[in-house]
C-alpha atoms as a PDB file:
ATOM      1  CA  UNK A   1      73.629 121.715 105.301  1.00  0.00           C
ATOM      2  CA  UNK A   2      72.545 122.120 101.706  1.00  0.00           C
ATOM      3  CA  UNK A   3      68.906 122.415 100.774  1.00  0.00           C
ATOM      4  CA  UNK A   4      67.362 118.979 101.368  1.00  0.00           C
ATOM      5  CA  UNK A   5      65.679 118.736  97.991  1.00  0.00           C
ATOM      6  CA  UNK A   6      68.795 119.841  96.134  1.00  0.00           C
ATOM      7  CA  UNK A   7      70.993 117.347  97.980  1.00  0.00           C
ATOM      8  CA  UNK A   8      68.462 114.554  97.448  1.00  0.00           C
ATOM      9  CA  UNK A   9      68.533 115.327  93.717  1.00  0.00           C
ATOM     10  CA  UNK A  10      72.336 115.106  93.642  1.00  0.00           C
ATOM     11  CA  UNK A  11      72.291 111.833  95.535  1.00  0.00           C
ATOM     12  CA  UNK A  12      69.605 110.354  93.280  1.00  0.00           C
ATOM     13  CA  UNK A  13      71.663 111.309  90.239  1.00  0.00           C
ATOM     14  CA  UNK A  14      74.640 109.468  91.715  1.00  0.00           C
ATOM     15  CA  UNK A  15      72.598 106.350  92.478  1.00  0.00           C
ATOM     16  CA  UNK A  16      70.995 106.310  89.021  1.00  0.00           C
ATOM     17  CA  UNK A  17      74.449 106.565  87.442  1.00  0.00           C
ATOM     18  CA  UNK A  18      75.725 103.606  89.496  1.00  0.00           C
ATOM     19  CA  UNK A  19      72.681 101.470  88.701  1.00  0.00           C
ATOM     20  CA  UNK A  20      72.592 102.281  84.999  1.00  0.00           C
ATOM     21  CA  UNK A  21      75.250  99.738  84.032  1.00  0.00           C
ATOM     22  CA  UNK A  22      73.786  96.558  85.619  1.00  0.00           C
ATOM     23  CA  UNK A  23      70.201  97.493  84.762  1.00  0.00           C
ATOM     24  CA  UNK A  24      71.223  98.302  81.177  1.00  0.00           C
ATOM     25  CA  UNK A  25      72.976  94.938  80.952  1.00  0.00           C
ATOM     26  CA  UNK A  26      69.752  93.260  82.061  1.00  0.00           C
ATOM     27  CA  UNK A  27      67.826  95.013  79.310  1.00  0.00           C
ATOM     28  CA  UNK A  28      70.413  94.096  76.672  1.00  0.00           C
ATOM     29  CA  UNK A  29      70.476  90.481  77.848  1.00  0.00           C
ATOM     30  CA  UNK A  30      66.703  90.166  77.588  1.00  0.00           C
ATOM     31  CA  UNK A  31      66.783  91.562  74.053  1.00  0.00           C
ATOM     32  CA  UNK A  32      69.503  89.104  73.034  1.00  0.00           C
ATOM     33  CA  UNK A  33      67.670  86.204  74.626  1.00  0.00           C
ATOM     34  CA  UNK A  34      64.486  87.009  72.710  1.00  0.00           C
ATOM     35  CA  UNK A  35      66.285  86.678  69.366  1.00  0.00           C
ATOM     36  CA  UNK A  36      68.694  83.843  70.203  1.00  0.00           C
ATOM     37  CA  UNK A  37      67.895  80.255  69.221  1.00  0.00           C
ATOM     38  CA  UNK A  38      71.226  78.518  69.831  1.00  0.00           C
ATOM     39  CA  UNK A  39      71.006  76.596  73.162  1.00  0.00           C
ATOM     40  CA  UNK A  40      74.582  77.411  74.209  1.00  0.00           C
ATOM     41  CA  UNK A  41      74.159  81.099  73.506  1.00  0.00           C
ATOM     42  CA  UNK A  42      70.834  81.145  75.342  1.00  0.00           C
ATOM     43  CA  UNK A  43      72.514  79.544  78.348  1.00  0.00           C
ATOM     44  CA  UNK A  44      75.243  82.192  78.226  1.00  0.00           C
ATOM     45  CA  UNK A  45      72.620  84.948  78.008  1.00  0.00           C
ATOM     46  CA  UNK A  46      70.916  83.540  81.098  1.00  0.00           C
ATOM     47  CA  UNK A  47      74.256  83.545  82.963  1.00  0.00           C
ATOM     48  CA  UNK A  48      74.810  87.183  82.072  1.00  0.00           C
ATOM     49  CA  UNK A  49      71.280  88.049  83.144  1.00  0.00           C
ATOM     50  CA  UNK A  50      71.833  86.337  86.490  1.00  0.00           C
ATOM     51  CA  UNK A  51      75.119  88.224  87.011  1.00  0.00           C
ATOM     52  CA  UNK A  52      73.500  91.565  86.190  1.00  0.00           C
ATOM     53  CA  UNK A  53      70.533  90.822  88.458  1.00  0.00           C
ATOM     54  CA  UNK A  54      72.900  89.975  91.324  1.00  0.00           C
ATOM     55  CA  UNK A  55      74.924  93.142  90.755  1.00  0.00           C
ATOM     56  CA  UNK A  56      71.761  95.266  90.754  1.00  0.00           C
ATOM     57  CA  UNK A  57      70.450  93.636  93.941  1.00  0.00           C
ATOM     58  CA  UNK A  58      73.799  94.012  95.714  1.00  0.00           C
ATOM     59  CA  UNK A  59      74.045  97.689  94.814  1.00  0.00           C
ATOM     60  CA  UNK A  60      70.496  98.350  95.992  1.00  0.00           C
ATOM     61  CA  UNK A  61      71.150  96.546  99.287  1.00  0.00           C
ATOM     62  CA  UNK A  62      74.287  98.636  99.833  1.00  0.00           C
ATOM     63  CA  UNK A  63      72.624 101.914  98.883  1.00  0.00           C
ATOM     64  CA  UNK A  64      69.677 101.291 101.241  1.00  0.00           C
ATOM     65  CA  UNK A  65      72.106 101.036 104.157  1.00  0.00           C
ATOM     66  CA  UNK A  66      74.474 103.780 103.022  1.00  0.00           C
ATOM     67  CA  UNK A  67      71.862 106.385 102.067  1.00  0.00           C
ATOM     68  CA  UNK A  68      68.438 105.151 103.132  1.00  0.00           C
ATOM     69  CA  UNK A  69      66.602 104.097 106.276  1.00  0.00           C
ATOM     70  CA  UNK A  70      67.466 100.379 106.155  1.00  0.00           C
ATOM     71  CA  UNK A  71      68.650  98.549 109.250  1.00  0.00           C
ATOM     72  CA  UNK A  72      65.409  98.477 111.236  1.00  0.00           C
ATOM     73  CA  UNK A  73      63.688 101.022 113.438  1.00  0.00           C
ATOM     74  CA  UNK A  74      66.256 101.126 116.249  1.00  0.00           C
ATOM     75  CA  UNK A  75      69.202 103.461 116.644  1.00  0.00           C
ATOM     76  CA  UNK A  76      71.828 100.871 115.673  1.00  0.00           C
ATOM     77  CA  UNK A  77      72.544  98.473 112.797  1.00  0.00           C
ATOM     78  CA  UNK A  78      73.878  94.916 112.969  1.00  0.00           C
ATOM     79  CA  UNK A  79      77.418  95.008 111.573  1.00  0.00           C
ATOM     80  CA  UNK A  80      76.938  91.557 109.997  1.00  0.00           C
ATOM     81  CA  UNK A  81      74.411  93.147 107.653  1.00  0.00           C
ATOM     82  CA  UNK A  82      76.908  95.887 106.864  1.00  0.00           C
ATOM     83  CA  UNK A  83      79.671  93.386 106.132  1.00  0.00           C
ATOM     84  CA  UNK A  84      77.380  91.459 103.806  1.00  0.00           C
ATOM     85  CA  UNK A  85      76.477  94.642 101.913  1.00  0.00           C
ATOM     86  CA  UNK A  86      80.133  95.609 101.417  1.00  0.00           C
ATOM     87  CA  UNK A  87      81.207  92.127 100.354  1.00  0.00           C
ATOM     88  CA  UNK A  88      78.250  91.924  97.982  1.00  0.00           C
ATOM     89  CA  UNK A  89      79.132  95.239  96.358  1.00  0.00           C
ATOM     90  CA  UNK A  90      82.853  94.629  95.915  1.00  0.00           C
ATOM     91  CA  UNK A  91      83.275  90.871  96.032  1.00  0.00           C
ATOM     92  CA  UNK A  92      81.139  89.879  93.085  1.00  0.00           C
ATOM     93  CA  UNK A  93      83.692  90.437  90.323  1.00  0.00           C
ATOM     94  CA  UNK A  94      86.643  89.349  92.511  1.00  0.00           C
ATOM     95  CA  UNK A  95      88.586  92.497  91.574  1.00  0.00           C
ATOM     96  CA  UNK A  96      88.627  93.670  95.167  1.00  0.00           C
ATOM     97  CA  UNK A  97      89.327  91.578  98.257  1.00  0.00           C
ATOM     98  CA  UNK A  98      87.576  92.755 101.414  1.00  0.00           C
ATOM     99  CA  UNK A  99      89.103  92.475 104.875  1.00  0.00           C
ATOM    100  CA  UNK A 100      86.704  92.973 107.800  1.00  0.00           C
ATOM    101  CA  UNK A 101      88.080  94.103 111.166  1.00  0.00           C
ATOM    102  CA  UNK A 102      85.005  95.303 113.032  1.00  0.00           C
ATOM    103  CA  UNK A 103      84.518  93.562 116.362  1.00  0.00           C
ATOM    104  CA  UNK A 104      81.357  95.387 117.439  1.00  0.00           C
ATOM    105  CA  UNK A 105      78.090  93.563 116.843  1.00  0.00           C
ATOM    106  CA  UNK A 106      76.214  96.812 116.199  1.00  0.00           C
ATOM    107  CA  UNK A 107      76.970 100.464 115.547  1.00  0.00           C
ATOM    108  CA  UNK A 108      74.847 103.600 115.400  1.00  0.00           C
ATOM    109  CA  UNK A 109      73.115 104.279 112.094  1.00  0.00           C
ATOM    110  CA  UNK A 110      75.052 107.498 111.514  1.00  0.00           C
ATOM    111  CA  UNK A 111      78.330 105.684 112.168  1.00  0.00           C
ATOM    112  CA  UNK A 112      77.325 102.927 109.758  1.00  0.00           C
ATOM    113  CA  UNK A 113      76.562 105.455 107.021  1.00  0.00           C
ATOM    114  CA  UNK A 114      80.006 107.012 107.455  1.00  0.00           C
ATOM    115  CA  UNK A 115      81.686 103.590 107.355  1.00  0.00           C
ATOM    116  CA  UNK A 116      79.773 102.468 104.256  1.00  0.00           C
ATOM    117  CA  UNK A 117      80.392 105.653 102.327  1.00  0.00           C
ATOM    118  CA  UNK A 118      84.098 105.686 103.173  1.00  0.00           C
ATOM    119  CA  UNK A 119      84.256 102.090 101.935  1.00  0.00           C
ATOM    120  CA  UNK A 120      82.422 103.088  98.751  1.00  0.00           C
ATOM    121  CA  UNK A 121      84.803 105.972  98.060  1.00  0.00           C
ATOM    122  CA  UNK A 122      87.925 103.924  98.809  1.00  0.00           C
ATOM    123  CA  UNK A 123      86.678 101.005  96.717  1.00  0.00           C
ATOM    124  CA  UNK A 124      85.957 103.267  93.757  1.00  0.00           C
ATOM    125  CA  UNK A 125      89.510 104.612  94.052  1.00  0.00           C
ATOM    126  CA  UNK A 126      90.873 101.094  93.358  1.00  0.00           C
ATOM    127  CA  UNK A 127      90.576 101.526  89.605  1.00  0.00           C
ATOM    128  CA  UNK A 128      92.547  98.327  88.878  1.00  0.00           C
ATOM    129  CA  UNK A 129      91.310  96.337  91.832  1.00  0.00           C
ATOM    130  CA  UNK A 130      93.178  95.486  94.994  1.00  0.00           C
ATOM    131  CA  UNK A 131      92.339  95.092  98.653  1.00  0.00           C
ATOM    132  CA  UNK A 132      89.956  96.976 100.917  1.00  0.00           C
ATOM    133  CA  UNK A 133      90.398  96.634 104.682  1.00  0.00           C
ATOM    134  CA  UNK A 134      87.681  98.042 106.927  1.00  0.00           C
ATOM    135  CA  UNK A 135      88.047  98.509 110.657  1.00  0.00           C
ATOM    136  CA  UNK A 136      86.092 100.177 113.431  1.00  0.00           C
ATOM    137  CA  UNK A 137      86.592 100.418 117.177  1.00  0.00           C
ATOM    138  CA  UNK A 138      84.022 101.851 119.536  1.00  0.00           C
ATOM    139  CA  UNK A 139      84.995 103.049 123.002  1.00  0.00           C
ATOM    140  CA  UNK A 140      83.050 104.676 125.794  1.00  0.00           C
ATOM    141  CA  UNK A 141      83.736 108.187 124.530  1.00  0.00           C
ATOM    142  CA  UNK A 142      84.918 107.810 120.934  1.00  0.00           C
ATOM    143  CA  UNK A 143      84.426 105.671 117.830  1.00  0.00           C
ATOM    144  CA  UNK A 144      87.144 105.342 115.209  1.00  0.00           C
ATOM    145  CA  UNK A 145      86.742 104.098 111.629  1.00  0.00           C
ATOM    146  CA  UNK A 146      89.602 103.259 109.284  1.00  0.00           C
ATOM    147  CA  UNK A 147      89.294 102.189 105.644  1.00  0.00           C
ATOM    148  CA  UNK A 148      92.518 101.181 103.898  1.00  0.00           C
ATOM    149  CA  UNK A 149      92.675 100.690 100.127  1.00  0.00           C
ATOM    150  CA  UNK A 150      95.716  99.077  98.525  1.00  0.00           C
ATOM    151  CA  UNK A 151      96.203  98.348  94.838  1.00  0.00           C
ATOM    152  CA  UNK A 152      98.359  98.815  91.738  1.00  0.00           C
ATOM    153  CA  UNK A 153      96.635 102.104  90.901  1.00  0.00           C
ATOM    154  CA  UNK A 154      94.677 104.358  93.227  1.00  0.00           C
ATOM    155  CA  UNK A 155      92.883 107.485  92.054  1.00  0.00           C
ATOM    156  CA  UNK A 156      90.959 109.672  94.484  1.00  0.00           C
ATOM    157  CA  UNK A 157      89.296 112.550  92.665  1.00  0.00           C
ATOM    158  CA  UNK A 158      90.352 115.902  94.212  1.00  0.00           C
ATOM    159  CA  UNK A 159      86.670 116.844  94.255  1.00  0.00           C
ATOM    160  CA  UNK A 160      85.935 113.933  96.580  1.00  0.00           C
ATOM    161  CA  UNK A 161      88.901 114.725  98.818  1.00  0.00           C
ATOM    162  CA  UNK A 162      87.714 118.320  99.133  1.00  0.00           C
ATOM    163  CA  UNK A 163      84.158 117.252  99.989  1.00  0.00           C
ATOM    164  CA  UNK A 164      85.389 114.708 102.561  1.00  0.00           C
ATOM    165  CA  UNK A 165      87.355 117.351 104.432  1.00  0.00           C
ATOM    166  CA  UNK A 166      84.728 120.089 104.309  1.00  0.00           C
ATOM    167  CA  UNK A 167      86.354 122.117 101.568  1.00  0.00           C
ATOM    168  CA  UNK A 168      83.397 122.065  99.178  1.00  0.00           C
ATOM    169  CA  UNK A 169      80.579 124.590  99.438  1.00  0.00           C
ATOM    170  CA  UNK A 170      77.049 123.226  99.233  1.00  0.00           C
ATOM    171  CA  UNK A 171      76.272 125.189  96.060  1.00  0.00           C
ATOM    172  CA  UNK A 172      79.363 123.715  94.351  1.00  0.00           C
ATOM    173  CA  UNK A 173      78.430 120.070  94.897  1.00  0.00           C
ATOM    174  CA  UNK A 174      78.121 117.613  92.026  1.00  0.00           C
ATOM    175  CA  UNK A 175      76.460 114.172  92.078  1.00  0.00           C
ATOM    176  CA  UNK A 176      79.892 112.545  92.101  1.00  0.00           C
ATOM    177  CA  UNK A 177      80.805 114.225  95.408  1.00  0.00           C
ATOM    178  CA  UNK A 178      77.436 113.751  97.133  1.00  0.00           C
ATOM    179  CA  UNK A 179      78.492 110.683  99.145  1.00  0.00           C
ATOM    180  CA  UNK A 180      81.734 112.324 100.269  1.00  0.00           C
ATOM    181  CA  UNK A 181      79.888 115.471 101.341  1.00  0.00           C
ATOM    182  CA  UNK A 182      77.382 113.335 103.274  1.00  0.00           C
ATOM    183  CA  UNK A 183      80.277 111.709 105.164  1.00  0.00           C
ATOM    184  CA  UNK A 184      81.720 115.075 106.158  1.00  0.00           C
ATOM    185  CA  UNK A 185      78.355 116.424 107.271  1.00  0.00           C
ATOM    186  CA  UNK A 186      77.531 113.375 109.379  1.00  0.00           C
ATOM    187  CA  UNK A 187      80.925 113.528 111.091  1.00  0.00           C
ATOM    188  CA  UNK A 188      80.956 117.330 111.443  1.00  0.00           C
ATOM    189  CA  UNK A 189      77.448 117.293 112.897  1.00  0.00           C
ATOM    190  CA  UNK A 190      78.687 115.047 115.718  1.00  0.00           C
ATOM    191  CA  UNK A 191      81.790 117.124 116.368  1.00  0.00           C
ATOM    192  CA  UNK A 192      83.968 114.567 114.628  1.00  0.00           C
ATOM    193  CA  UNK A 193      86.566 114.698 111.892  1.00  0.00           C
ATOM    194  CA  UNK A 194      87.429 112.935 108.637  1.00  0.00           C
ATOM    195  CA  UNK A 195      91.046 112.187 107.716  1.00  0.00           C
ATOM    196  CA  UNK A 196      92.316 111.486 104.196  1.00  0.00           C
ATOM    197  CA  UNK A 197      95.858 110.340 103.445  1.00  0.00           C
ATOM    198  CA  UNK A 198      97.738 110.974 100.222  1.00  0.00           C
ATOM    199  CA  UNK A 199      97.687 108.130  97.702  1.00  0.00           C
ATOM    200  CA  UNK A 200     101.298 107.113  98.329  1.00  0.00           C
ATOM    201  CA  UNK A 201     102.912 103.761  97.417  1.00  0.00           C
ATOM    202  CA  UNK A 202      99.622 102.302  96.257  1.00  0.00           C
ATOM    203  CA  UNK A 203      97.840 102.895  99.571  1.00  0.00           C
ATOM    204  CA  UNK A 204      94.975 105.211 100.492  1.00  0.00           C
ATOM    205  CA  UNK A 205      93.666 105.545 104.060  1.00  0.00           C
ATOM    206  CA  UNK A 206      90.371 107.193 104.979  1.00  0.00           C
ATOM    207  CA  UNK A 207      89.486 107.620 108.621  1.00  0.00           C
ATOM    208  CA  UNK A 208      86.832 109.058 110.886  1.00  0.00           C
ATOM    209  CA  UNK A 209      86.975 110.077 114.557  1.00  0.00           C
ATOM    210  CA  UNK A 210      83.549 110.396 116.134  1.00  0.00           C
ATOM    211  CA  UNK A 211      83.006 111.488 119.742  1.00  0.00           C
ATOM    212  CA  UNK A 212      80.371 109.766 121.806  1.00  0.00           C
ATOM    213  CA  UNK A 213      79.300 106.170 122.385  1.00  0.00           C
ATOM    214  CA  UNK A 214      78.890 103.734 119.476  1.00  0.00           C
END
């Protein structure tokens, strides 16, 4: 695996980039509110501030589960918390519908991180919105994850596809590919595999096969 400090720097750069937009909108809204005297405009500014605050909170909640140590001190994470984080990240602007097909009440933290990051990558690929279906099935000897993205336009950066399938060297990583590289490393470290379909007919499928119990 890449040097821990270097990878942490890449990941932090990615997170800062994703948080810049809602936090910047908060700052702009506060500046507008300070100078605005019209009651209707002030009300609209407050609405925008609330939307930006929600977006920031939802992203932070998702990132804590996907990259951090959230989910408690045990070895597993409640999948209801995971579902809420995904729906909060993608459901706010109604551009992306989320379908949840995970029957298990809890999954291992490493498995959860793979699921969340695959969902993040697939959701980002829906550049014009669409639908994101997330499924997972845990057996006695193997856990399978499938994330299906469907929309009018799907774009998966070749850099991400390479990182997901282990084709990117650690010293060639960029912040954009950090999440994808994390997915591959988590799966590879468990003797598992990541599968990426071609973006054909408006559908992209990302999958993970992980040996061992859930």
